[in-house]
Protein backbone atom coordinates (compact mmCIF):
# COMPACT_ATOMS: atom_id res chain seq x y z
CA MET A 1 0.00 0.00 0.00
CA ALA A 2 1.27 3.47 -0.88
CA ASP A 3 2.09 5.92 1.92
CA LYS A 4 0.06 8.72 0.34
CA VAL A 5 -2.60 9.25 -2.29
CA VAL A 6 -2.77 12.15 -4.73
CA ALA A 7 -6.51 12.66 -5.20
CA ILE A 8 -7.37 14.60 -8.34
CA ASP A 9 -10.88 16.05 -8.15
CA ILE A 10 -12.23 17.69 -11.32
CA GLY A 11 -15.17 19.92 -10.47
CA SER A 12 -17.44 22.36 -12.28
CA SER A 13 -15.24 25.38 -11.59
CA SER A 14 -11.78 24.05 -10.70
CA ILE A 15 -9.41 21.11 -10.59
CA ARG A 16 -7.78 20.17 -7.31
CA ALA A 17 -5.06 17.72 -6.27
CA SER A 18 -4.99 16.74 -2.61
CA VAL A 19 -2.34 14.88 -0.64
CA VAL A 20 -4.14 12.31 1.54
CA ASN A 21 -2.58 10.03 4.15
CA ASP A 22 -3.76 6.59 5.33
CA ARG A 23 -5.81 8.18 8.15
CA LEU A 24 -7.82 9.87 5.39
CA GLU A 25 -6.44 13.28 6.39
CA ILE A 26 -5.84 15.90 3.73
CA GLU A 27 -2.31 17.19 4.27
CA ASP A 28 -2.24 19.71 1.45
CA GLN A 29 -4.25 20.86 -1.56
CA PHE A 30 -3.42 22.55 -4.83
CA THR A 31 -6.21 24.14 -6.87
CA ARG A 32 -6.54 25.85 -10.23
CA ALA A 33 -9.75 27.47 -11.42
CA PHE A 34 -11.40 26.77 -14.76
CA THR A 35 -12.66 29.50 -17.03
CA ARG A 36 -16.28 28.51 -17.55
CA VAL A 37 -17.71 30.16 -20.67
CA SER A 38 -21.39 30.61 -21.48
CA PRO A 39 -21.48 32.21 -24.97
CA ILE A 40 -25.29 32.14 -24.92
CA PRO A 41 -27.82 30.98 -22.30
CA ASN A 42 -27.73 27.21 -21.61
CA PHE A 43 -24.31 26.85 -23.30
CA VAL A 44 -21.51 25.97 -20.83
CA GLU A 45 -18.06 25.07 -22.07
CA TYR A 46 -14.35 24.89 -21.17
CA SER A 47 -10.95 25.07 -22.87
CA HIS A 48 -8.94 21.91 -23.62
CA ASP A 49 -5.61 23.65 -23.16
CA GLU A 50 -6.57 25.13 -19.81
CA PHE A 51 -7.80 21.75 -18.59
CA ARG A 52 -4.58 19.96 -19.57
CA ASP A 53 -2.30 22.67 -18.19
CA ASN A 54 -4.16 22.86 -14.87
CA LEU A 55 -4.18 19.07 -14.56
CA PHE A 56 -0.40 18.87 -14.71
CA LEU A 57 0.14 21.94 -12.51
CA VAL A 58 -1.87 20.60 -9.57
CA THR A 59 -0.75 16.97 -9.94
CA ASN A 60 2.94 17.89 -10.06
CA ALA A 61 2.57 20.23 -7.09
CA ALA A 62 0.98 17.44 -5.01
CA LEU A 63 3.68 14.92 -5.97
CA ASP A 64 6.40 17.45 -5.14
CA ARG A 65 4.77 17.87 -1.73
CA ILE A 66 5.03 14.12 -1.13
CA GLY A 67 8.65 14.00 -2.23
CA THR A 68 10.25 10.57 -2.39
CA GLY A 69 7.53 8.76 -0.44
CA SER A 70 5.42 6.13 -2.20
CA ALA A 71 2.23 7.42 -3.78
CA GLU A 72 -0.74 6.43 -5.94
CA ILE A 73 -3.16 8.59 -7.92
CA VAL A 74 -6.96 8.54 -7.85
CA VAL A 75 -9.21 10.56 -10.16
CA THR A 76 -12.73 11.82 -9.50
CA ASN A 77 -14.73 14.04 -11.79
CA GLN A 78 -17.93 15.90 -12.50
CA ARG A 79 -19.70 13.31 -14.58
CA ALA A 80 -20.84 13.53 -18.21
CA THR A 81 -18.85 16.67 -19.07
CA THR A 82 -17.61 15.60 -22.50
CA ALA A 83 -14.58 16.29 -24.68
CA ALA A 84 -13.53 15.23 -28.16
CA ILE A 85 -9.88 14.55 -29.01
CA ASP A 86 -8.03 13.31 -32.07
CA GLY A 87 -5.51 10.49 -32.13
CA SER A 88 -2.73 12.67 -30.70
CA GLY A 89 -4.89 13.91 -27.85
CA THR A 90 -5.41 17.37 -29.31
CA GLY A 91 -8.73 18.84 -28.26
CA TYR A 92 -11.42 19.28 -30.88
CA GLY A 93 -14.16 21.84 -30.29
CA PRO A 94 -15.00 22.98 -26.77
CA ILE A 95 -15.32 20.74 -23.73
CA LEU A 96 -19.07 20.65 -23.07
CA SER A 97 -20.15 20.84 -19.43
CA TRP A 98 -22.76 18.47 -18.06
CA MET A 99 -24.82 21.64 -17.53
CA ASP A 100 -24.76 22.47 -21.26
CA LEU A 101 -28.24 22.05 -22.79
CA ARG A 102 -27.51 22.85 -26.45
CA THR A 103 -28.08 19.23 -27.49
CA SER A 104 -31.71 18.99 -26.36
CA PRO A 105 -32.98 18.66 -29.99
CA LEU A 106 -30.63 15.69 -30.49
CA CYS A 107 -32.19 14.04 -27.44
CA LEU A 108 -35.57 14.27 -29.13
CA GLU A 109 -34.17 12.69 -32.28
CA LEU A 110 -32.82 9.77 -30.26
CA ALA A 111 -36.11 9.51 -28.37
CA ALA A 112 -37.85 8.92 -31.70
CA LYS A 113 -35.53 5.92 -32.13
CA GLY A 114 -36.41 4.57 -28.69
CA HIS A 115 -33.44 5.91 -26.69
CA ARG A 116 -34.03 7.92 -23.48
CA ILE A 117 -31.05 10.25 -23.28
CA ALA A 118 -30.97 13.50 -21.27
CA PRO A 119 -29.02 16.55 -22.48
CA ASN A 120 -26.87 16.45 -19.33
CA GLN A 121 -25.48 13.04 -20.36
CA SER A 122 -22.54 12.50 -22.71
CA VAL A 123 -24.24 10.85 -25.67
CA THR A 124 -25.63 13.85 -27.52
CA LYS A 125 -22.61 15.95 -26.58
CA ALA A 126 -20.44 13.46 -28.47
CA ILE A 127 -22.81 13.56 -31.46
CA TYR A 128 -22.70 17.37 -31.45
CA LEU A 129 -18.90 17.51 -31.27
CA ALA A 130 -18.64 15.02 -34.13
CA SER A 131 -20.97 17.20 -36.23
CA LEU A 132 -18.73 20.28 -36.03
CA GLU A 133 -16.76 18.97 -39.00
CA THR A 134 -18.11 15.69 -40.30
CA SER A 135 -14.97 14.89 -42.32
CA LYS A 136 -13.08 14.41 -39.04
CA ALA A 137 -15.82 12.69 -37.07
CA SER A 138 -14.53 9.14 -37.61
CA GLN A 139 -11.07 10.12 -36.30
CA LEU A 140 -12.32 11.49 -32.99
CA ARG A 141 -12.54 9.89 -29.57
CA PHE A 142 -14.99 11.06 -26.93
CA ALA A 143 -14.09 11.28 -23.28
CA THR A 144 -15.51 12.30 -19.95
CA LEU A 145 -13.05 14.19 -17.76
CA ASP A 146 -11.79 11.15 -15.86
CA THR A 147 -10.80 9.60 -19.18
CA LEU A 148 -9.29 12.83 -20.45
CA ALA A 149 -7.17 13.23 -17.30
CA ILE A 150 -5.97 9.60 -17.41
CA PHE A 151 -5.18 9.91 -21.12
CA HIS A 152 -2.99 12.97 -20.53
CA LEU A 153 -1.29 11.59 -17.40
CA THR A 154 -0.39 8.31 -19.12
CA GLY A 155 0.93 10.07 -22.20
CA GLY A 156 -1.92 8.73 -24.32
CA LYS A 157 -1.35 5.08 -23.37
CA VAL A 158 -4.65 4.58 -21.53
CA PHE A 159 -8.08 5.60 -22.80
CA ALA A 160 -10.40 4.25 -20.12
CA THR A 161 -13.22 5.06 -17.74
CA ASP A 162 -14.85 3.18 -14.86
CA HIS A 163 -18.32 1.74 -14.32
CA THR A 164 -19.57 4.65 -12.16
CA ASN A 165 -18.85 7.11 -14.95
CA ALA A 166 -19.79 4.87 -17.87
CA ALA A 167 -23.18 3.99 -16.39
CA THR A 168 -23.94 7.70 -15.99
CA ALA A 169 -22.70 8.89 -19.39
CA GLY A 170 -25.61 7.37 -21.29
CA PHE A 171 -24.00 4.85 -23.68
CA ILE A 172 -25.12 2.01 -21.38
CA ASP A 173 -28.84 1.18 -21.27
CA ASN A 174 -28.67 -2.16 -19.46
CA LEU A 175 -27.78 -3.64 -16.08
CA ASP A 176 -24.96 -5.74 -17.56
CA LEU A 177 -22.86 -2.55 -17.75
CA VAL A 178 -21.80 -2.96 -21.36
CA TYR A 179 -22.13 -0.42 -24.13
CA SER A 180 -25.37 -0.51 -26.11
CA GLN A 181 -24.47 -1.48 -29.68
CA ASN A 182 -27.89 -0.38 -30.91
CA LEU A 183 -27.43 3.08 -29.40
CA LEU A 184 -23.90 3.42 -30.77
CA GLN A 185 -25.16 2.51 -34.24
CA ASP A 186 -27.93 5.12 -34.04
CA CYS A 187 -25.36 7.70 -32.90
CA ALA A 188 -22.93 6.79 -35.71
CA ILE A 189 -20.21 6.25 -33.07
CA ARG A 190 -17.96 3.18 -32.97
CA GLU A 191 -17.13 1.51 -29.66
CA GLU A 192 -13.40 2.18 -30.14
CA GLN A 193 -14.20 5.91 -30.13
CA ILE A 194 -15.33 5.77 -26.49
CA PRO A 195 -13.33 4.63 -23.45
CA LYS A 196 -12.71 1.07 -22.36
CA ILE A 197 -14.70 0.35 -19.18
CA CYS A 198 -12.64 -0.76 -16.17
CA ASN A 199 -13.36 -1.48 -12.52
CA THR A 200 -13.50 1.57 -10.25
CA TYR A 201 -10.55 0.17 -8.33
CA GLY A 202 -8.21 -1.19 -10.97
CA ASP A 203 -5.30 -0.47 -13.27
CA PHE A 204 -5.44 2.82 -15.15
CA GLY A 205 -1.78 2.94 -16.09
CA SER A 206 0.78 5.23 -14.51
CA TYR A 207 2.10 8.78 -14.60
CA SER A 208 5.82 9.18 -15.29
CA TYR A 209 7.14 12.03 -13.14
CA ARG A 210 10.74 12.81 -12.21
CA GLY A 211 11.90 9.30 -12.99
CA ARG A 212 9.10 7.59 -11.05
CA GLU A 213 6.03 5.63 -12.19
CA ILE A 214 3.01 6.69 -10.11
CA LYS A 215 0.17 4.19 -10.51
CA ILE A 216 -3.37 5.42 -11.17
CA VAL A 217 -5.56 2.98 -9.21
CA VAL A 218 -9.03 4.58 -8.93
CA ALA A 219 -11.30 6.46 -11.31
CA MET A 220 -14.86 7.29 -10.30
CA GLY A 221 -17.65 9.83 -10.54
CA ASP A 222 -17.65 12.56 -7.95
CA GLN A 223 -21.02 11.71 -6.40
CA GLN A 224 -20.20 8.04 -5.96
CA ALA A 225 -16.87 9.05 -4.40
CA SER A 226 -18.74 11.38 -2.06
CA LEU A 227 -21.05 8.51 -1.03
CA LEU A 228 -18.01 6.39 -0.17
CA GLY A 229 -16.40 9.39 1.52
CA GLN A 230 -19.25 9.44 4.04
CA ASN A 231 -18.85 5.69 4.64
CA ALA A 232 -22.43 5.46 3.37
CA VAL A 233 -22.03 2.00 1.89
CA ALA A 234 -24.64 0.04 3.88
CA GLN A 235 -28.00 -0.56 2.19
CA GLY A 236 -30.24 2.47 2.68
CA SER A 237 -27.41 4.85 3.62
CA THR A 238 -28.10 8.26 2.06
CA LYS A 239 -25.94 11.31 1.47
CA VAL A 240 -26.64 14.70 -0.04
CA THR A 241 -24.04 16.95 -1.64
CA PHE A 242 -24.62 20.69 -1.94
CA GLY A 243 -22.55 21.98 -4.84
CA THR A 244 -23.55 23.83 -8.00
CA GLY A 245 -26.60 21.58 -7.88
CA THR A 246 -27.94 19.34 -5.12
CA ILE A 247 -27.40 15.61 -5.53
CA LEU A 248 -28.79 12.93 -3.22
CA ASP A 249 -27.57 9.32 -3.41
CA THR A 250 -28.85 6.23 -1.66
CA SER A 251 -26.72 3.09 -1.47
CA MET A 252 -28.44 -0.21 -2.16
CA GLY A 253 -25.37 -2.43 -1.74
CA PRO A 254 -25.41 -5.46 -4.08
CA THR A 255 -29.17 -5.14 -4.77
CA LYS A 256 -29.69 -4.44 -8.47
CA PRO A 257 -32.21 -1.80 -9.51
CA LYS A 258 -35.28 -2.89 -11.44
CA SER A 259 -34.21 -1.03 -14.58
CA ALA A 260 -31.27 0.86 -16.01
CA GLN A 261 -33.61 3.71 -16.98
CA ARG A 262 -34.90 6.67 -15.01
CA SER A 263 -37.76 5.60 -12.76
CA ILE A 264 -41.27 7.03 -12.50
CA ASN A 265 -40.05 8.70 -9.29
CA GLY A 266 -37.48 10.69 -11.27
CA THR A 267 -34.45 8.91 -9.80
CA PHE A 268 -31.64 7.24 -11.71
CA PRO A 269 -29.98 3.91 -10.94
CA ILE A 270 -26.25 4.32 -10.37
CA VAL A 271 -23.22 2.12 -9.89
CA THR A 272 -21.51 3.16 -6.65
CA TYR A 273 -18.26 1.21 -7.24
CA THR A 274 -16.82 -1.96 -8.79
CA ASN A 275 -13.70 -3.85 -7.76
CA GLY A 276 -13.69 -6.90 -10.02
CA LYS A 277 -15.55 -9.04 -7.51
CA GLU A 278 -18.68 -7.07 -6.73
CA VAL A 279 -20.86 -4.22 -7.98
CA GLY A 280 -22.35 -1.63 -5.65
CA TRP A 281 -25.69 -0.17 -6.74
CA GLY A 282 -27.73 2.83 -5.70
CA TYR A 283 -30.25 5.48 -6.67
CA GLU A 284 -29.62 9.14 -7.43
CA ALA A 285 -31.90 12.16 -7.29
CA LEU A 286 -30.77 15.63 -8.29
CA SER A 287 -31.79 19.25 -8.65
CA LEU A 288 -30.29 21.68 -11.12
CA GLY A 289 -29.97 24.71 -8.82
CA SER A 290 -28.24 25.00 -5.45
CA GLY A 291 -24.93 26.77 -4.88
CA GLY A 292 -25.42 28.44 -8.23
CA CYS A 293 -28.32 30.40 -6.69
CA VAL A 294 -26.03 31.67 -3.94
CA ASP A 295 -23.47 32.67 -6.58
CA TRP A 296 -26.29 34.58 -8.28
CA LEU A 297 -27.03 36.53 -5.07
CA ILE A 298 -23.34 37.39 -4.82
CA SER A 299 -23.16 38.49 -8.49
CA LEU A 300 -26.16 40.81 -7.93
CA GLY A 301 -24.52 42.36 -4.88
CA VAL A 302 -27.28 41.16 -2.53
CA ILE A 303 -24.54 39.58 -0.40
CA SER A 304 -20.79 40.09 -0.56
CA GLY A 305 -19.82 36.43 -0.24
CA TYR A 306 -20.63 33.02 1.21
CA GLN A 307 -19.98 34.15 4.78
CA GLU A 308 -22.79 36.69 4.58
CA ALA A 309 -25.14 33.94 3.40
CA SER A 310 -25.24 32.65 6.98
CA ASN A 311 -26.51 35.90 8.53
CA PHE A 312 -30.07 34.80 9.29
CA THR A 313 -31.89 32.64 11.81
CA ARG A 314 -33.64 29.33 11.11
CA ASN A 315 -36.93 30.73 12.46
CA PHE A 316 -37.04 33.55 9.88
CA ARG A 317 -40.54 32.41 8.92
CA ASP A 318 -41.81 33.91 12.15
CA SER A 319 -41.34 37.31 10.50
CA SER A 320 -41.49 36.54 6.76
CA ASN A 321 -43.43 34.38 4.35
CA ALA A 322 -41.07 35.10 1.44
CA ARG A 323 -40.44 32.01 -0.68
CA PHE A 324 -38.06 31.12 -3.46
CA VAL A 325 -38.13 28.19 -5.89
CA PRO A 326 -34.62 27.46 -7.24
CA ALA A 327 -35.03 26.42 -10.88
CA PRO A 328 -32.54 28.47 -12.97
CA SER A 329 -32.30 25.64 -15.53
CA GLY A 330 -35.49 23.80 -14.66
CA LEU A 331 -36.51 21.27 -12.02
CA GLY A 332 -34.88 17.86 -11.77
CA THR A 333 -36.09 14.98 -9.60
CA PRO A 334 -38.95 14.16 -9.39
CA LEU A 335 -40.53 16.25 -12.17
CA TRP A 336 -37.76 16.74 -14.74
CA ASP A 337 -39.36 19.92 -16.00
CA PHE A 338 -36.74 21.72 -18.10
CA GLY A 339 -39.18 24.59 -18.65
CA ALA A 340 -39.60 25.45 -14.97
CA ARG A 341 -37.92 28.67 -13.84
CA SER A 342 -36.99 30.25 -10.51
CA LEU A 343 -39.43 32.55 -8.78
CA PHE A 344 -39.86 34.64 -5.65
CA GLU A 345 -43.25 35.07 -4.06
CA ASN A 346 -44.77 36.79 -1.03
CA LEU A 347 -42.06 39.46 -0.83
CA THR A 348 -43.06 42.59 1.08
CA LEU A 349 -41.40 45.91 1.85
CA GLY A 350 -40.84 44.56 5.33
CA ASP A 351 -38.51 41.81 4.09
CA SER A 352 -34.84 42.64 4.58
CA LYS A 353 -31.81 41.24 2.81
CA ALA A 354 -31.60 38.56 5.51
CA GLU A 355 -35.11 37.30 4.74
CA ILE A 356 -34.39 37.22 0.99
CA VAL A 357 -31.20 35.19 1.52
CA ALA A 358 -32.99 32.90 3.96
CA ALA A 359 -35.82 32.35 1.45
CA VAL A 360 -33.32 31.32 -1.24
CA LEU A 361 -31.59 28.88 1.09
CA ASP A 362 -34.89 27.54 2.42
CA GLY A 363 -35.95 26.91 -1.17
CA ILE A 364 -32.80 24.86 -1.76
CA ALA A 365 -33.54 22.97 1.46
CA ALA A 366 -37.16 22.30 0.43
CA LEU A 367 -36.02 21.08 -2.98
CA THR A 368 -33.70 18.67 -1.17
CA ASN A 369 -36.78 17.11 0.42
CA ASP A 370 -38.22 16.55 -3.06
CA LEU A 371 -35.12 14.47 -3.80
CA LEU A 372 -35.41 12.55 -0.55
CA GLU A 373 -39.10 11.77 -1.08
CA ALA A 374 -38.31 10.40 -4.54
CA ALA A 375 -35.43 8.28 -3.23
CA ILE A 376 -37.58 6.85 -0.44
CA SER A 377 -40.32 5.96 -2.93
CA GLU A 378 -37.78 4.20 -5.14
CA SER A 379 -35.70 2.39 -2.52
CA GLY A 380 -38.43 1.69 0.03
CA VAL A 381 -36.06 2.81 2.78
CA THR A 382 -36.47 5.89 5.00
CA PRO A 383 -33.06 6.66 6.53
CA ASP A 384 -32.74 7.74 10.15
CA LEU A 385 -29.85 10.05 9.31
CA ILE A 386 -28.72 11.92 6.21
CA TYR A 387 -25.01 12.48 5.56
CA ALA A 388 -24.20 15.90 4.08
CA ASP A 389 -21.16 17.38 2.38
CA GLY A 390 -20.22 20.05 -0.14
CA GLY A 391 -19.20 23.65 0.26
CA MET A 392 -22.58 24.82 1.54
CA VAL A 393 -22.53 22.63 4.68
CA ALA A 394 -20.07 25.08 6.24
CA ASN A 395 -23.14 27.32 6.57
CA VAL A 396 -24.69 25.76 9.69
CA PRO A 397 -27.89 27.92 9.62
CA PHE A 398 -28.47 26.58 6.10
CA VAL A 399 -28.03 22.98 7.31
CA GLU A 400 -30.58 23.74 10.04
CA LEU A 401 -33.05 24.77 7.33
CA VAL A 402 -32.35 21.49 5.54
CA THR A 403 -33.03 19.43 8.68
CA ASP A 404 -36.29 21.32 9.27
CA ASN A 405 -37.42 20.64 5.70
CA LEU A 406 -36.42 16.97 5.82
CA GLY A 407 -37.60 16.31 9.36
CA LEU A 408 -34.48 14.16 9.81
CA LYS A 409 -31.11 14.52 11.51
CA ILE A 410 -28.14 15.48 9.37
CA ALA A 411 -24.55 14.41 9.95
CA ILE A 412 -22.16 17.01 8.52
CA SER A 413 -19.06 15.43 7.06
CA PRO A 414 -15.96 16.22 9.16
CA GLU A 415 -14.15 16.75 5.86
CA LYS A 416 -15.92 18.97 3.34
CA GLU A 417 -14.04 17.28 0.49
CA ALA A 418 -15.85 13.96 0.92
CA THR A 419 -15.27 13.16 -2.76
CA THR A 420 -11.52 13.24 -2.21
CA ILE A 421 -11.82 11.11 0.93
CA GLY A 422 -14.02 8.47 -0.74
CA ALA A 423 -11.74 7.84 -3.70
CA SER A 424 -8.67 7.85 -1.45
CA ALA A 425 -10.31 5.38 0.96
CA LEU A 426 -10.99 3.00 -1.93
CA ALA A 427 -7.30 3.15 -2.84
CA PHE A 428 -6.09 2.51 0.71
CA ALA A 429 -8.65 -0.31 1.06
CA LYS A 430 -7.47 -1.81 -2.26
CA GLY A 431 -11.08 -1.81 -3.36
CA ASN A 432 -12.36 -3.77 -0.36
CA ILE A 433 -15.44 -1.96 0.98
CA ALA A 434 -15.61 -4.34 3.95
CA VAL A 435 -12.73 -2.52 5.66
CA PHE A 436 -14.37 0.91 5.41
CA PRO A 437 -15.83 0.91 8.95
CA GLU A 438 -12.31 0.51 10.33
CA LEU A 439 -10.88 3.15 8.01
CA PHE A 440 -13.58 5.68 8.96
CA GLU A 441 -13.91 4.94 12.66
CA HIS A 442 -11.99 8.03 13.81
CA LEU A 443 -13.81 10.28 11.32
CA VAL A 444 -17.27 9.18 12.47
CA GLU A 445 -16.51 10.57 15.92
CA ARG A 446 -15.94 14.04 14.42
CA ARG A 447 -19.27 14.32 12.61
CA GLN A 448 -21.48 17.23 13.64
CA ILE A 449 -25.13 16.20 14.08
CA VAL A 450 -27.86 18.77 13.39
CA THR A 451 -31.37 18.00 14.69
CA PRO A 452 -34.65 19.26 13.16
CA LEU A 453 -37.10 21.39 15.08
CA TYR A 454 -39.82 18.84 14.32
CA GLU A 455 -40.12 15.29 12.98
CA ARG A 456 -41.52 14.19 9.62
CA GLU A 457 -44.77 13.01 11.21
CA SER A 458 -45.52 16.37 12.88
CA LYS A 459 -48.15 18.88 11.80
CA SER A 460 -45.49 21.62 11.53
CA TYR A 461 -43.55 19.52 9.05
CA GLN A 462 -46.65 18.85 6.97
CA LEU A 463 -47.61 22.53 6.84
CA ARG A 464 -44.13 23.49 5.71
CA ARG A 465 -44.16 20.80 3.04
CA GLU A 466 -47.58 21.85 1.74
CA ALA A 467 -46.52 25.51 1.50
CA TRP A 468 -43.44 24.52 -0.51
CA LEU A 469 -45.41 22.37 -2.96
CA SER A 470 -47.84 25.25 -3.47
CA SER A 471 -44.94 27.52 -4.40
CA ARG A 472 -43.21 24.95 -6.59
CA ILE A 473 -46.24 24.39 -8.78
CA LYS A 474 -46.18 28.10 -9.71
CA ALA A 475 -42.65 27.70 -11.08
CA GLU A 476 -43.50 24.69 -13.20
CA ARG A 477 -44.01 24.94 -16.98
CA SER A 478 -42.79 28.54 -17.18
CA ILE A 479 -41.53 27.80 -20.70
CA PRO A 480 -44.10 25.29 -22.05
CA GLU A 481 -42.08 24.24 -25.10
CA LEU A 482 -39.17 23.18 -22.87
CA SER A 483 -41.49 21.58 -20.34
CA ALA A 484 -42.89 19.42 -23.11
CA ILE A 485 -39.47 17.83 -23.66
CA SER A 486 -39.09 14.53 -21.80
CA PHE A 487 -36.02 12.33 -21.59
């Protein structure tokens, strides 16, 4: 086992390399921001050159920090963000973010052929990139960011992904976790143009640096890594991550989902990890607006930064009935209404900046309960405790609003970078989930538990829930032509 792990985490706004020891402690971090470009609404893209340069800058800095000690590399990534490269690894066209919705018409074309593909998956992004110059389409390869990072680090020797990413990207429509040949044919994409699928803990080649060969042993999607980073591997264990969006995942252990498709509850089946011997399964529910709404308040000058977003009390509803529905790009689970849009209601001249900020955060918290309700309906399990991570959990008043909306206790991760911890833990465990309780024992003691003001069965909870649903319905179908699109 290596002494240290270099955990590369590729997010929506930056790439970070962390030095992690075998006690799952982050000793140092090196971060470079991405330039996220939105040339027109609903277009979100990145630069190939900036991605590659930042990847090497942070990775090299982390390895220099370790020095001559033994090390391994793990890679986690925002899933479904898609790039096209030629045989030499040169980028072709922009890197399209998972948030980019320009390919919605292509989703409808595939739907007519019987394929349910959402615009925030990789499939139509690859088709779009191939269409930019059809004469080169057959020479291109299409990669999510885990694959792109591994390709660059191995000098082009390895073009691979893992099951957690592949099952999310959209080219798999079955529970056998193999690429759909029918879908590939309808997309005019050959299997050799997309990555080889490997186990989450496996062999992804090595990075040659200063005369050393640093093995890459884990690749996985960020949300699955976050689930592992909370030690939420037992059946029914549920975590929620508050990032640009809100994503809730429930582990189902070895129990296979009923279908590889999105359920009537609006959740998606996911693979939580593979190690060559077993497959972990789960369900995922997500919303499209969370931290991005706080960024919006900052950009408008309503608040100066994230610290000011905590300047309110959890009982703000005693003085204000202001409500906010966060749907800047539509509503995700359970409705999947791409035509819904954010709205404020019940604002009065008596509402101060604090009440407006609290209403935004309470809306994010209420939307989180939509995700939980859908996950409970799908899994049949109501958890006693929800594990929470992501940048927004540093705002304890916000977490209090979440507990009040859920009617359940929340355990705040002792390490906000749970994604980094989860992928690193899998490396130190050599893929063996059974040793996780021992690995995480000292971290469990550091969790902060936040308790709701009232339980899910109480009248106060029910009234709060009913008020939220009344507000949400007013945000639905704001743009009917987009709401009519179903994936």
